[in-house]
Protein backbone atom coordinates (compact mmCIF):
# COMPACT_ATOMS: atom_id res chain seq x y z
CA MET A 1 -5.17 -9.47 -30.98
CA LYS A 2 -8.74 -8.31 -30.70
CA LYS A 3 -10.06 -4.93 -29.71
CA LEU A 4 -11.35 -4.69 -26.17
CA ARG A 5 -15.05 -4.07 -25.64
CA ASP A 6 -16.20 -0.73 -24.28
CA SER A 7 -19.11 -2.08 -22.19
CA ILE A 8 -19.40 -4.55 -19.36
CA GLN A 9 -21.74 -7.55 -19.71
CA TYR A 10 -21.80 -8.79 -16.09
CA ALA A 11 -20.09 -8.16 -12.75
CA GLY A 12 -16.65 -9.78 -12.96
CA ASP A 13 -16.53 -9.54 -16.73
CA PHE A 14 -13.09 -9.10 -18.24
CA GLU A 15 -11.24 -9.31 -21.54
CA LEU A 16 -7.79 -10.49 -22.36
CA LYS A 17 -6.27 -8.68 -25.29
CA GLU A 18 -2.71 -10.11 -25.19
CA CYS A 19 -0.71 -12.73 -23.33
CA THR A 20 2.51 -13.66 -25.16
CA ILE A 21 5.91 -14.92 -24.04
CA ILE A 22 9.14 -13.78 -25.69
CA THR A 23 11.64 -16.62 -25.53
CA HIS A 24 15.45 -16.64 -25.61
CA GLN A 25 15.16 -17.55 -29.33
CA GLY A 26 13.45 -14.18 -29.94
CA ALA A 27 10.11 -15.77 -30.85
CA GLU A 28 6.80 -14.50 -29.47
CA VAL A 29 4.43 -17.30 -28.54
CA ASP A 30 0.76 -16.63 -27.93
CA LEU A 31 -0.38 -18.26 -24.68
CA LEU A 32 -4.01 -17.06 -24.90
CA PRO A 33 -5.60 -20.27 -26.26
CA ASN A 34 -4.15 -22.38 -23.41
CA LEU A 35 -4.62 -20.06 -20.43
CA ILE A 36 -6.09 -21.44 -17.18
CA GLY A 37 -5.73 -18.43 -14.89
CA VAL A 38 -3.93 -15.12 -14.34
CA ASN A 39 -3.14 -13.55 -10.99
CA VAL A 40 -1.60 -10.12 -10.35
CA TYR A 41 -0.40 -9.18 -6.83
CA GLU A 42 0.13 -5.67 -5.37
CA ASP A 43 1.39 -4.75 -1.93
CA LEU A 44 1.65 -1.20 -0.54
CA MET A 45 4.71 -2.24 1.44
CA SER A 46 6.52 -3.82 -1.52
CA SER A 47 8.70 -2.10 -4.13
CA SER A 48 7.56 -4.38 -6.96
CA ILE A 49 4.45 -6.27 -8.06
CA ASN A 50 4.22 -9.92 -8.89
CA ALA A 51 2.04 -12.08 -11.13
CA ASP A 52 1.57 -15.64 -12.25
CA ILE A 53 0.02 -17.23 -15.26
CA SER A 54 -1.10 -20.85 -15.58
CA PHE A 55 -1.64 -22.61 -18.89
CA THR A 56 -1.99 -26.13 -20.33
CA ASP A 57 1.13 -27.55 -21.93
CA THR A 58 0.53 -30.29 -24.52
CA ARG A 59 3.78 -29.78 -26.44
CA ASP A 60 6.42 -29.82 -23.68
CA ALA A 61 6.96 -26.10 -23.96
CA ILE A 62 9.67 -26.01 -21.29
CA SER A 63 12.00 -28.06 -23.47
CA LEU A 64 10.94 -27.03 -26.93
CA LEU A 65 10.65 -23.24 -26.62
CA PRO A 66 12.48 -23.51 -24.19
CA ILE A 67 11.30 -21.79 -21.01
CA VAL A 68 14.16 -21.55 -18.49
CA GLY A 69 13.64 -18.16 -16.79
CA ASN A 70 14.24 -14.48 -17.68
CA GLU A 71 11.83 -14.62 -20.57
CA TYR A 72 9.44 -11.66 -21.11
CA VAL A 73 5.68 -11.90 -20.85
CA LYS A 74 3.43 -9.31 -22.41
CA LEU A 75 0.02 -9.05 -20.71
CA ASN A 76 -2.98 -6.80 -21.46
CA ILE A 77 -6.07 -7.70 -19.47
CA GLY A 78 -8.76 -5.82 -17.63
CA THR A 79 -12.37 -4.78 -17.05
CA PRO A 80 -14.21 -3.42 -20.12
CA ASP A 81 -14.05 0.34 -20.31
CA VAL A 82 -17.30 1.13 -18.55
CA THR A 83 -15.23 1.74 -15.39
CA LYS A 84 -13.01 4.26 -17.18
CA LYS A 85 -10.22 3.29 -14.80
CA GLY A 86 -7.74 1.64 -17.16
CA LYS A 87 -6.40 -1.82 -17.80
CA ILE A 88 -3.59 -3.98 -16.51
CA ASN A 89 -1.32 -3.37 -19.46
CA PHE A 90 2.25 -4.75 -19.42
CA THR A 91 2.93 -4.73 -23.13
CA LYS A 92 5.38 -1.76 -23.11
CA HIS A 93 6.92 -2.84 -19.82
CA PRO A 94 6.63 -6.64 -19.88
CA PHE A 95 6.89 -8.95 -16.90
CA VAL A 96 9.97 -11.14 -16.44
CA VAL A 97 9.74 -14.89 -15.71
CA TYR A 98 11.71 -15.70 -12.50
CA LYS A 99 10.34 -19.18 -11.67
CA ILE A 100 8.69 -22.08 -13.50
CA LEU A 101 6.37 -24.52 -11.73
CA ARG A 102 5.07 -27.74 -13.35
CA LYS A 103 1.68 -28.78 -12.05
CA GLU A 104 0.05 -32.21 -12.08
CA ASP A 105 -0.22 -34.12 -15.34
CA LEU A 106 -3.46 -33.78 -17.30
CA GLN A 107 -4.97 -36.34 -19.68
CA GLN A 108 -3.10 -35.04 -22.69
CA GLY A 109 -0.30 -33.07 -21.18
CA SER A 110 0.43 -31.00 -18.09
CA SER A 111 -0.19 -27.52 -16.68
CA LEU A 112 2.52 -24.96 -16.14
CA THR A 113 2.66 -21.89 -13.86
CA LEU A 114 5.09 -19.10 -14.60
CA LYS A 115 5.98 -16.77 -11.73
CA LEU A 116 6.45 -13.20 -12.97
CA THR A 117 7.77 -9.93 -11.63
CA THR A 118 8.95 -6.58 -13.01
CA LYS A 119 12.43 -5.86 -14.25
CA GLU A 120 13.18 -3.29 -11.54
CA ILE A 121 13.51 -5.97 -8.92
CA PHE A 122 16.23 -7.64 -10.99
CA PHE A 123 18.16 -4.36 -11.34
CA ASN A 124 17.71 -3.89 -7.56
CA LEU A 125 19.33 -7.27 -6.83
CA ARG A 126 22.11 -6.89 -9.41
CA ARG A 127 23.23 -3.28 -8.74
CA ARG A 128 24.39 -1.13 -5.82
CA VAL A 129 24.18 2.57 -5.13
CA SER A 130 27.43 4.01 -3.80
CA GLN A 131 27.24 7.71 -4.42
CA SER A 132 26.73 11.08 -2.75
CA TYR A 133 23.72 13.26 -3.48
CA SER A 134 22.68 16.81 -2.65
CA GLY A 135 19.34 18.53 -3.06
CA GLY A 136 15.79 17.52 -2.14
CA TYR A 137 15.09 13.98 -1.08
CA SER A 138 12.45 13.62 -3.78
CA GLN A 139 15.04 14.60 -6.35
CA MET A 140 17.39 11.88 -5.06
CA VAL A 141 14.62 9.27 -5.39
CA GLU A 142 13.97 10.31 -8.96
CA LYS A 143 17.66 10.15 -9.87
CA ILE A 144 18.02 6.62 -8.49
CA PHE A 145 14.80 5.53 -10.20
CA ARG A 146 15.83 6.86 -13.63
CA ASP A 147 19.63 6.38 -13.50
CA THR A 148 20.72 3.73 -16.07
CA ASN A 149 23.29 2.49 -13.59
CA TYR A 150 20.62 1.74 -10.96
CA LEU A 151 16.92 1.04 -11.53
CA SER A 152 16.91 2.50 -15.08
CA SER A 153 13.05 2.58 -15.10
CA LYS A 154 10.97 4.18 -17.84
CA LYS A 155 7.70 3.68 -15.94
CA GLN A 156 5.46 6.36 -14.58
CA LEU A 157 6.63 7.73 -11.22
CA LEU A 158 4.15 9.64 -9.06
CA LEU A 159 6.44 11.78 -6.93
CA GLU A 160 5.45 13.88 -3.99
CA GLU A 161 7.69 16.82 -3.25
CA THR A 162 9.82 16.87 -0.11
CA ILE A 163 11.02 19.96 1.76
CA GLY A 164 14.59 21.00 2.46
CA SER A 165 17.98 20.51 0.83
CA HIS A 166 20.27 17.81 2.08
CA SER A 167 23.61 16.13 1.52
CA LEU A 168 23.48 12.35 1.64
CA VAL A 169 25.99 9.60 1.12
CA ILE A 170 24.55 6.18 0.16
CA PRO A 171 27.05 3.49 1.14
CA ASN A 172 26.87 0.58 -1.30
CA MET A 173 23.15 -0.10 -0.84
CA ARG A 174 20.65 -1.75 -3.15
CA PRO A 175 18.55 0.87 -4.93
CA PHE A 176 15.25 -0.07 -3.22
CA ASP A 177 16.96 -0.03 0.19
CA ALA A 178 18.46 3.39 -0.61
CA ILE A 179 15.02 4.76 -1.57
CA ARG A 180 13.45 3.31 1.57
CA MET A 181 16.15 4.94 3.65
CA ILE A 182 15.39 8.26 1.99
CA ALA A 183 11.69 7.74 2.61
CA GLN A 184 12.35 7.38 6.36
CA ARG A 185 14.07 10.78 6.35
CA SER A 186 11.70 12.67 4.08
CA VAL A 187 9.15 15.27 5.12
CA SER A 188 6.47 16.50 2.73
CA GLU A 189 5.44 20.09 1.99
CA ASN A 190 2.56 19.50 4.35
CA SER A 191 5.00 18.55 7.17
CA THR A 192 4.07 14.84 7.10
CA SER A 193 6.59 12.03 7.13
CA SER A 194 4.76 8.81 6.13
CA PHE A 195 6.46 8.36 2.77
CA LEU A 196 6.11 5.02 1.02
CA PHE A 197 7.71 3.68 -2.17
CA TYR A 198 5.65 1.05 -3.93
CA GLU A 199 4.57 -0.24 -7.37
CA THR A 200 1.08 -0.74 -8.78
CA THR A 201 -0.16 -1.83 -12.19
CA ARG A 202 -0.04 1.88 -13.22
CA GLY A 203 3.54 2.50 -12.18
CA TYR A 204 5.62 3.59 -9.17
CA ASN A 205 4.74 5.92 -6.31
CA PHE A 206 6.79 7.91 -3.79
CA ARG A 207 4.24 9.65 -1.67
CA THR A 208 2.78 9.98 1.87
CA LEU A 209 -0.17 8.25 3.34
CA GLU A 210 -1.82 11.64 3.82
CA SER A 211 -1.67 12.29 0.07
CA LEU A 212 -3.51 8.99 -0.48
CA TYR A 213 -6.12 9.81 2.18
CA ASN A 214 -6.70 13.22 0.67
CA VAL A 215 -7.93 11.71 -2.61
CA GLY A 216 -10.93 10.18 -0.91
CA PRO A 217 -12.83 6.97 -1.81
CA VAL A 218 -12.74 5.89 -5.50
CA PHE A 219 -15.33 3.11 -5.14
CA ASP A 220 -18.13 2.03 -2.79
CA TYR A 221 -18.62 -1.52 -1.54
CA VAL A 222 -21.42 -3.06 0.47
CA VAL A 223 -20.95 -6.23 2.49
CA GLY A 224 -23.50 -8.92 1.95
CA GLU A 225 -25.56 -7.43 -0.78
CA GLY A 226 -24.94 -5.66 -4.08
CA ALA A 227 -26.21 -2.36 -5.31
CA ASP A 228 -26.98 -1.17 -8.80
CA PHE A 229 -24.24 0.17 -10.99
CA GLN A 230 -25.45 3.27 -12.76
CA ASP A 231 -23.94 4.62 -15.97
CA GLU A 232 -22.37 8.04 -15.55
CA LYS A 233 -24.39 9.40 -18.49
CA SER A 234 -27.83 8.21 -17.28
CA SER A 235 -29.66 7.13 -14.21
CA LYS A 236 -30.77 3.85 -15.83
CA VAL A 237 -29.57 0.59 -14.39
CA ASN A 238 -28.55 -2.21 -16.67
CA PRO A 239 -29.39 -5.57 -14.97
CA MET A 240 -26.20 -7.04 -16.43
CA GLN A 241 -24.16 -4.30 -14.65
CA GLN A 242 -25.41 -4.92 -11.11
CA ASN A 243 -23.46 -6.09 -8.13
CA LEU A 244 -20.15 -4.50 -9.16
CA ASN A 245 -19.89 -3.13 -5.60
CA GLN A 246 -20.91 -6.34 -3.79
CA VAL A 247 -18.58 -7.84 -1.23
CA GLU A 248 -18.83 -11.55 -1.66
CA LYS A 249 -16.70 -12.45 1.37
CA ASN A 250 -15.70 -10.39 4.36
CA GLU A 251 -13.31 -11.46 7.14
CA PHE A 252 -12.59 -9.11 10.06
CA ILE A 253 -8.90 -9.60 10.77
CA SER A 254 -7.97 -7.31 13.62
CA ASN A 255 -8.99 -4.37 15.68
CA ASN A 256 -6.63 -2.97 18.25
CA ASP A 257 -4.12 -5.40 19.68
CA ILE A 258 -3.45 -3.16 22.68
CA LEU A 259 -0.25 -4.88 23.78
CA THR A 260 1.28 -4.80 20.26
CA ASN A 261 0.23 -1.23 19.66
CA THR A 262 1.78 -0.15 22.96
CA LYS A 263 5.00 -1.99 22.24
CA LYS A 264 5.33 -0.47 18.79
CA GLY A 265 4.80 3.09 20.07
CA ILE A 266 1.53 3.69 18.21
CA TYR A 267 -0.01 5.46 21.20
CA ALA A 268 3.08 7.12 22.67
CA SER A 269 6.84 6.96 22.28
CA LYS A 270 10.07 8.78 22.98
CA SER A 271 13.16 9.60 20.95
CA ILE A 272 16.55 10.46 22.45
CA VAL A 273 18.74 12.40 20.00
CA HIS A 274 22.42 12.51 20.87
CA ASP A 275 24.48 15.27 19.30
CA ILE A 276 27.98 13.88 19.02
CA TYR A 277 29.36 17.27 17.93
CA ASN A 278 27.95 19.50 20.71
CA LYS A 279 28.04 16.61 23.23
CA ASN A 280 24.47 16.96 24.40
CA TYR A 281 21.15 15.19 23.91
CA ASN A 282 17.54 16.15 23.33
CA VAL A 283 14.40 14.18 24.12
CA GLN A 284 11.35 14.22 21.82
CA THR A 285 8.00 12.67 22.77
CA PHE A 286 5.06 11.57 20.69
CA SER A 287 1.38 11.42 21.65
CA ILE A 288 -1.29 9.94 19.35
CA LYS A 289 -3.82 12.34 20.87
CA ASP A 290 -1.87 15.27 19.47
CA GLU A 291 -1.70 13.50 16.13
CA TYR A 292 -5.49 13.00 15.86
CA ASP A 293 -5.96 16.67 16.72
CA LYS A 294 -4.21 17.51 13.44
CA LYS A 295 -7.01 15.79 11.46
CA LEU A 296 -4.68 13.83 9.20
CA ASP A 297 -6.46 10.47 9.48
CA ILE A 298 -8.24 8.64 6.68
CA GLU A 299 -11.76 9.81 7.65
CA SER A 300 -10.88 13.49 8.20
CA LEU A 301 -8.81 13.87 5.02
CA GLY A 302 -11.51 12.01 3.09
CA GLY A 303 -14.02 14.72 3.80
CA GLY A 304 -15.57 13.46 7.04
CA LYS A 305 -14.70 13.55 10.74
CA GLY A 306 -12.41 10.95 12.19
CA TYR A 307 -11.90 9.65 15.73
CA PRO A 308 -9.29 7.33 17.20
CA LEU A 309 -9.60 3.57 16.92
CA PHE A 310 -9.30 3.39 20.68
CA PRO A 311 -10.77 5.43 23.61
CA ILE A 312 -7.58 7.40 24.21
CA ASP A 313 -9.10 9.73 26.82
CA SER A 314 -9.91 6.97 29.36
CA ILE A 315 -7.91 7.24 32.64
CA LEU A 316 -5.77 4.12 33.09
CA ASP A 317 -4.02 4.52 36.44
CA GLU A 318 -4.10 6.27 39.79
CA ASN A 319 -1.94 9.11 38.36
CA ASP A 320 -4.62 9.99 35.77
CA ASN A 321 -2.46 8.87 32.91
CA LYS A 322 -4.05 8.08 29.56
CA VAL A 323 -2.77 5.67 26.92
CA SER A 324 -0.97 8.51 25.08
CA ASP A 325 0.93 9.59 28.19
CA TYR A 326 3.21 6.54 28.45
CA SER A 327 6.06 7.76 26.26
CA ASP A 328 8.42 5.12 27.68
CA SER A 329 6.50 2.42 25.83
CA ARG A 330 8.94 2.76 22.97
CA ILE A 331 12.27 4.51 23.13
CA SER A 332 14.55 5.06 20.12
CA LEU A 333 18.02 6.49 20.06
CA GLN A 334 19.42 8.60 17.23
CA SER A 335 22.77 10.25 16.72
CA THR A 336 23.35 13.56 14.96
CA SER A 337 26.16 16.04 14.46
CA SER A 338 23.99 19.14 14.13
CA ASP A 339 20.67 20.54 15.32
CA GLY A 340 18.87 18.94 12.33
CA ASN A 341 18.14 22.23 10.55
CA ILE A 342 19.60 22.09 7.07
CA PHE A 343 19.29 24.94 4.55
CA ALA A 344 19.82 24.99 0.83
CA THR A 345 22.72 27.15 -0.34
CA SER A 346 21.74 27.25 -4.01
CA THR A 347 18.97 29.30 -5.53
CA TYR A 348 15.83 28.17 -7.24
CA PRO A 349 15.41 26.21 -9.53
CA ASN A 350 18.50 24.20 -8.53
CA HIS A 351 16.56 23.43 -5.34
CA ARG A 352 12.83 22.99 -5.63
CA THR A 353 12.30 24.28 -2.09
CA PRO A 354 15.04 26.81 -1.51
CA TYR A 355 16.07 27.39 2.12
CA GLY A 356 13.67 24.66 3.18
CA LYS A 357 13.87 23.59 6.79
CA SER A 358 13.87 19.94 7.80
CA ASN A 359 13.91 18.54 11.31
CA PRO A 360 13.68 14.73 11.27
CA LYS A 361 13.68 14.58 15.08
CA GLU A 362 10.14 15.85 15.09
CA SER A 363 8.83 13.49 12.37
CA ILE A 364 10.47 10.10 13.02
CA LEU A 365 8.10 9.23 15.94
CA ASN A 366 5.09 10.24 13.87
CA ARG A 367 6.27 7.92 11.07
CA PHE A 368 6.67 5.03 13.52
CA SER A 369 3.06 5.39 14.59
CA LYS A 370 1.57 5.96 11.11
CA ILE A 371 3.33 3.00 9.49
CA SER A 372 2.61 0.69 12.45
CA LEU A 373 -1.08 1.45 12.17
CA LEU A 374 -1.08 -0.01 8.63
CA HIS A 375 -0.33 -3.40 10.19
CA ASN A 376 -2.24 -2.97 13.44
CA GLY A 377 -5.26 -0.84 12.58
CA MET A 378 -8.80 -1.90 11.88
CA LYS A 379 -8.37 -4.46 9.09
CA HIS A 380 -10.55 -6.58 6.84
CA MET A 381 -10.02 -9.18 4.14
CA ILE A 382 -12.64 -8.88 1.41
CA GLN A 383 -13.45 -10.56 -1.90
CA THR A 384 -15.33 -8.67 -4.59
CA THR A 385 -16.10 -8.92 -8.26
CA GLY A 386 -13.25 -7.52 -10.37
CA ASN A 387 -12.42 -3.97 -11.30
CA SER A 388 -9.00 -3.60 -12.90
CA GLY A 389 -9.02 0.12 -12.14
CA LEU A 390 -8.35 -0.51 -8.45
CA GLU A 391 -4.83 -0.52 -7.08
CA VAL A 392 -3.14 -0.51 -3.73
CA GLY A 393 -3.12 2.97 -2.22
CA ASN A 394 -6.76 3.59 -3.32
CA ILE A 395 -9.35 4.46 -0.78
CA ILE A 396 -12.66 2.56 -0.82
CA ASN A 397 -15.85 3.29 1.10
CA LEU A 398 -16.84 0.03 2.78
CA LYS A 399 -20.37 -0.29 4.20
CA ILE A 400 -20.87 -3.08 6.77
CA PRO A 401 -24.41 -3.82 7.98
CA LYS A 402 -25.20 -4.16 11.64
CA ASN A 403 -26.33 -7.52 13.03
CA GLN A 404 -29.29 -5.70 14.57
CA THR A 405 -30.61 -2.60 12.81
CA GLY A 406 -31.54 0.43 14.81
CA THR A 407 -31.27 4.07 13.88
CA SER A 408 -28.79 3.16 11.18
CA PHE A 409 -28.61 0.10 8.91
CA PHE A 410 -24.77 0.21 8.75
CA ASP A 411 -22.27 -0.11 11.53
CA GLU A 412 -20.93 3.43 12.12
CA LYS A 413 -17.59 2.28 13.43
CA LEU A 414 -16.78 -0.63 11.14
CA SER A 415 -18.02 1.21 8.01
CA GLY A 416 -16.17 4.07 6.37
CA ASN A 417 -13.05 4.79 4.37
CA TYR A 418 -10.43 2.05 4.05
CA LEU A 419 -6.98 2.01 2.47
CA ILE A 420 -6.21 -0.88 0.10
CA LEU A 421 -3.06 -2.42 1.68
CA LYS A 422 -2.78 -5.58 -0.45
CA LEU A 423 -4.60 -6.60 -3.58
CA ARG A 424 -4.87 -9.65 -5.78
CA HIS A 425 -6.44 -9.59 -9.23
CA SER A 426 -7.61 -13.12 -10.11
CA PHE A 427 -8.78 -13.92 -13.60
CA ALA A 428 -10.31 -17.42 -14.11
CA PHE A 429 -10.68 -18.84 -17.61
CA ALA A 430 -12.52 -21.92 -16.39
CA GLY A 431 -15.62 -22.39 -14.25
CA ASP A 432 -17.58 -19.12 -13.95
CA LYS A 433 -14.88 -17.24 -15.91
CA LYS A 434 -14.84 -14.21 -13.68
CA HIS A 435 -12.44 -11.58 -12.53
CA ARG A 436 -12.34 -11.33 -8.75
CA ILE A 437 -10.32 -9.21 -6.34
CA GLY A 438 -9.03 -10.18 -2.94
CA MET A 439 -8.18 -7.14 -0.86
CA GLU A 440 -6.68 -6.43 2.53
CA VAL A 441 -7.99 -3.08 3.65
CA VAL A 442 -7.15 -1.06 6.75
CA LYS A 443 -8.16 2.19 8.44
CA ASP A 444 -6.70 4.41 11.18
CA SER A 445 -9.84 6.15 12.39
CA VAL A 446 -13.59 5.70 12.82
CA LYS A 447 -16.53 7.96 12.06
CA SER A 448 -18.14 7.58 15.48
CA LYS A 449 -16.29 8.37 18.75
CA TYR A 450 -15.75 5.62 21.34
CA PRO A 451 -16.75 6.42 24.90
CA SER A 452 -13.85 7.34 27.25
CA ASN A 453 -15.38 6.86 30.68
CA LEU A 454 -13.61 3.75 31.87
CA PRO A 455 -14.09 3.48 35.66
CA SER A 456 -11.17 2.95 37.98
CA SER A 457 -9.83 -0.59 38.07
CA PRO A 458 -10.68 -2.50 41.25
CA VAL A 459 -7.63 -2.76 43.44
CA GLY A 460 -7.22 -5.62 45.90
CA LYS A 461 -4.81 -5.90 48.83
CA GLY A 462 -1.71 -7.95 48.84
CA GLU A 463 1.22 -8.42 51.11
CA THR A 464 4.86 -9.41 50.74
CA VAL A 465 5.61 -12.82 52.22
CA LEU A 466 9.23 -13.53 53.05
CA LEU A 467 10.32 -17.17 52.40
């Protein structure tokens, strides 16, 4: 195994330090000389990452090693250290082979593709959580994550604190499902409820969207043309280090499917909470206008000023209703046996937030809207030269030129901060031998306000005709 370089030679440069497979015989076989390609996949909505490696097979490795599944693969690959963002290193926590694909025959052999994932997904499928917990929701997540009877993970876990103390019975659920259920109930110390549980190449995360937005952009990208990469220690530009922030391909996927957004309750919704103990019910409503007023969107938390993706102040009917006034667009029903206010009975430090108050009735509608915007916000698919420091959950600053330049070269609404929703690291060992990234990025606000002066809709005259 060679030492990785500490400088980049060209945009898309990468180095592979290790790629070995540990077979059922206990032998470690070096796959590096025969590699064709490596892909690593991350998804903000997935609890595990996946990968695949392709290599030439001239010795019938499937039968001789053999490779039958459940083998371990150690992988250490990444951008040279000029980015100072880290490598994709799975030598201490190796991937697990879950599927073997044999490709077409070559002249002197064949090519194989091994599908890989992390061991936590296997524990998730093979084990169940059937246990009662008390305390903070974040504490429960950590216990399930570390417990040797459940996920038994030794990986890094970035854990955002939740408020309140609770009692919870998990009824024979898979560990990932249990954690996702807890995420739906959790409220952060900043009174936000958009908790996600996901894995990246650095480890696991249990945190809110707002905590991701608050970090701000970690990298700048320009569509259509590259810019110079400058070393942090000097203002000089190395010609071999240019175009690191160039977007090679850009596809605009979606921007405001109004029907879908209305149906999913992104603009407005209602929750009816039935108290089975006191035999009454309470109605909670959600308005996206109120939510934007809190300045918890990706542009506002990133240091700028954010506006809605849609002109929410336009009048839409003869009753002067706006898009955020139709709370009947989505109605959910919940049952409870109390008023939702739960207090800790133990003292600190047994509870991280003693006597913390939690009212899920006020946060569930907000969560519906926030999570739905990840799938129905302003979204792009982009391809760039590789940077192994990037991961899902990062914020990038994407600059998109206008078709016709005026006062500004870049489009003020399409450009701005974007959240990386999905990411694919692709390392090619043939052809141009480059590391490229395919990203699906999304945003929930724009930097420039849309006009909200929609005139009244023309109304014709009709009559009822009896047949």
